[in-house]
C-alpha atoms as a PDB file:
ATOM      1  CA  UNK A   1     109.733 116.208  99.484  1.00  0.00           C
ATOM      2  CA  UNK A   2     106.800 113.630  99.538  1.00  0.00           C
ATOM      3  CA  UNK A   3     107.379 110.046  99.451  1.00  0.00           C
ATOM      4  CA  UNK A   4     104.759 107.178  99.916  1.00  0.00           C
ATOM      5  CA  UNK A   5     105.309 104.733 102.987  1.00  0.00           C
ATOM      6  CA  UNK A   6     103.193 102.339 104.963  1.00  0.00           C
ATOM      7  CA  UNK A   7     102.674 102.751 108.528  1.00  0.00           C
ATOM      8  CA  UNK A   8     101.829 100.154 111.023  1.00  0.00           C
ATOM      9  CA  UNK A   9     100.718 101.035 114.547  1.00  0.00           C
ATOM     10  CA  UNK A  10     100.530  98.691 117.455  1.00  0.00           C
ATOM     11  CA  UNK A  11     100.586  98.866 121.343  1.00  0.00           C
ATOM     12  CA  UNK A  12     103.581  97.931 123.525  1.00  0.00           C
ATOM     13  CA  UNK A  13     102.194  98.408 127.263  1.00  0.00           C
ATOM     14  CA  UNK A  14     101.104 101.960 127.577  1.00  0.00           C
ATOM     15  CA  UNK A  15     102.886 103.227 124.383  1.00  0.00           C
ATOM     16  CA  UNK A  16     101.917 103.137 120.684  1.00  0.00           C
ATOM     17  CA  UNK A  17     104.513 102.340 118.253  1.00  0.00           C
ATOM     18  CA  UNK A  18     104.401 103.703 114.643  1.00  0.00           C
ATOM     19  CA  UNK A  19     106.764 101.957 112.089  1.00  0.00           C
ATOM     20  CA  UNK A  20     107.230 103.331 108.515  1.00  0.00           C
ATOM     21  CA  UNK A  21     107.953 100.754 105.914  1.00  0.00           C
ATOM     22  CA  UNK A  22     109.973 100.350 103.771  1.00  0.00           C
ATOM     23  CA  UNK A  23     111.948 103.294 105.335  1.00  0.00           C
ATOM     24  CA  UNK A  24     112.360 101.418 108.550  1.00  0.00           C
ATOM     25  CA  UNK A  25     111.835 104.240 110.841  1.00  0.00           C
ATOM     26  CA  UNK A  26     109.891 104.014 114.098  1.00  0.00           C
ATOM     27  CA  UNK A  27     108.452 106.333 116.750  1.00  0.00           C
ATOM     28  CA  UNK A  28     106.486 105.896 120.122  1.00  0.00           C
ATOM     29  CA  UNK A  29     103.973 107.913 122.009  1.00  0.00           C
ATOM     30  CA  UNK A  30     101.098 107.616 124.425  1.00  0.00           C
ATOM     31  CA  UNK A  31      98.455 107.670 121.684  1.00  0.00           C
ATOM     32  CA  UNK A  32      98.302 106.391 118.138  1.00  0.00           C
ATOM     33  CA  UNK A  33      97.968 109.672 116.582  1.00  0.00           C
ATOM     34  CA  UNK A  34     100.850 111.184 118.611  1.00  0.00           C
ATOM     35  CA  UNK A  35     102.995 108.205 117.427  1.00  0.00           C
ATOM     36  CA  UNK A  36     101.869 108.686 113.754  1.00  0.00           C
ATOM     37  CA  UNK A  37     102.788 112.442 114.001  1.00  0.00           C
ATOM     38  CA  UNK A  38     106.187 111.783 115.664  1.00  0.00           C
ATOM     39  CA  UNK A  39     106.897 109.226 112.819  1.00  0.00           C
ATOM     40  CA  UNK A  40     106.025 111.562 110.139  1.00  0.00           C
ATOM     41  CA  UNK A  41     108.394 114.341 111.736  1.00  0.00           C
ATOM     42  CA  UNK A  42     111.025 111.548 112.085  1.00  0.00           C
ATOM     43  CA  UNK A  43     110.762 110.603 108.354  1.00  0.00           C
ATOM     44  CA  UNK A  44     111.050 114.085 107.374  1.00  0.00           C
ATOM     45  CA  UNK A  45     114.227 114.752 109.468  1.00  0.00           C
ATOM     46  CA  UNK A  46     115.705 111.610 108.059  1.00  0.00           C
ATOM     47  CA  UNK A  47     115.165 112.650 104.431  1.00  0.00           C
ATOM     48  CA  UNK A  48     116.277 116.339 105.173  1.00  0.00           C
ATOM     49  CA  UNK A  49     119.472 115.309 106.907  1.00  0.00           C
ATOM     50  CA  UNK A  50     120.127 112.912 104.000  1.00  0.00           C
ATOM     51  CA  UNK A  51     119.427 115.556 101.322  1.00  0.00           C
ATOM     52  CA  UNK A  52     121.708 118.001 103.091  1.00  0.00           C
ATOM     53  CA  UNK A  53     124.489 115.332 103.381  1.00  0.00           C
ATOM     54  CA  UNK A  54     124.180 114.465  99.848  1.00  0.00           C
ATOM     55  CA  UNK A  55     123.057 110.813 100.705  1.00  0.00           C
ATOM     56  CA  UNK A  56     119.565 110.949  99.834  1.00  0.00           C
ATOM     57  CA  UNK A  57     119.919 108.797  96.698  1.00  0.00           C
ATOM     58  CA  UNK A  58     121.842 106.125  98.748  1.00  0.00           C
ATOM     59  CA  UNK A  59     119.220 106.108 101.570  1.00  0.00           C
ATOM     60  CA  UNK A  60     116.309 105.762  99.096  1.00  0.00           C
ATOM     61  CA  UNK A  61     118.095 103.097  97.148  1.00  0.00           C
ATOM     62  CA  UNK A  62     118.682 101.013 100.265  1.00  0.00           C
ATOM     63  CA  UNK A  63     115.017 101.238 101.168  1.00  0.00           C
ATOM     64  CA  UNK A  64     114.230  99.974  97.538  1.00  0.00           C
ATOM     65  CA  UNK A  65     112.737 103.143  96.350  1.00  0.00           C
ATOM     66  CA  UNK A  66     113.206 104.085  92.651  1.00  0.00           C
ATOM     67  CA  UNK A  67     113.918 107.552  91.088  1.00  0.00           C
ATOM     68  CA  UNK A  68     111.625 107.806  87.966  1.00  0.00           C
ATOM     69  CA  UNK A  69     109.990 110.859  86.251  1.00  0.00           C
ATOM     70  CA  UNK A  70     111.492 113.274  88.584  1.00  0.00           C
ATOM     71  CA  UNK A  71     110.268 111.603  91.745  1.00  0.00           C
ATOM     72  CA  UNK A  72     110.707 108.702  94.176  1.00  0.00           C
ATOM     73  CA  UNK A  73     108.669 105.583  93.649  1.00  0.00           C
ATOM     74  CA  UNK A  74     107.828 103.274  96.466  1.00  0.00           C
ATOM     75  CA  UNK A  75     108.552  99.544  96.161  1.00  0.00           C
ATOM     76  CA  UNK A  76     105.455  97.579  95.051  1.00  0.00           C
ATOM     77  CA  UNK A  77     103.451  95.866  98.184  1.00  0.00           C
ATOM     78  CA  UNK A  78     103.109  92.177  97.038  1.00  0.00           C
ATOM     79  CA  UNK A  79     101.405  90.669 100.062  1.00  0.00           C
END
């Protein structure tokens, strides 16, 4: 499954933090690219487990995604 999300990456000491919005999942690594890759994996695992447990719709609703036309639409960014 593919969904859209916005990623912010910043440094904290010697670590890069990657945060996916609006899903609210974060990851850290030594480089920005490694943090981004780890974040993509973490988001994929979250969605996979939610699907397996039958809670995917609940998780996506809580993150303000809408299910339309057979897919999930991310909330509109307004600022």
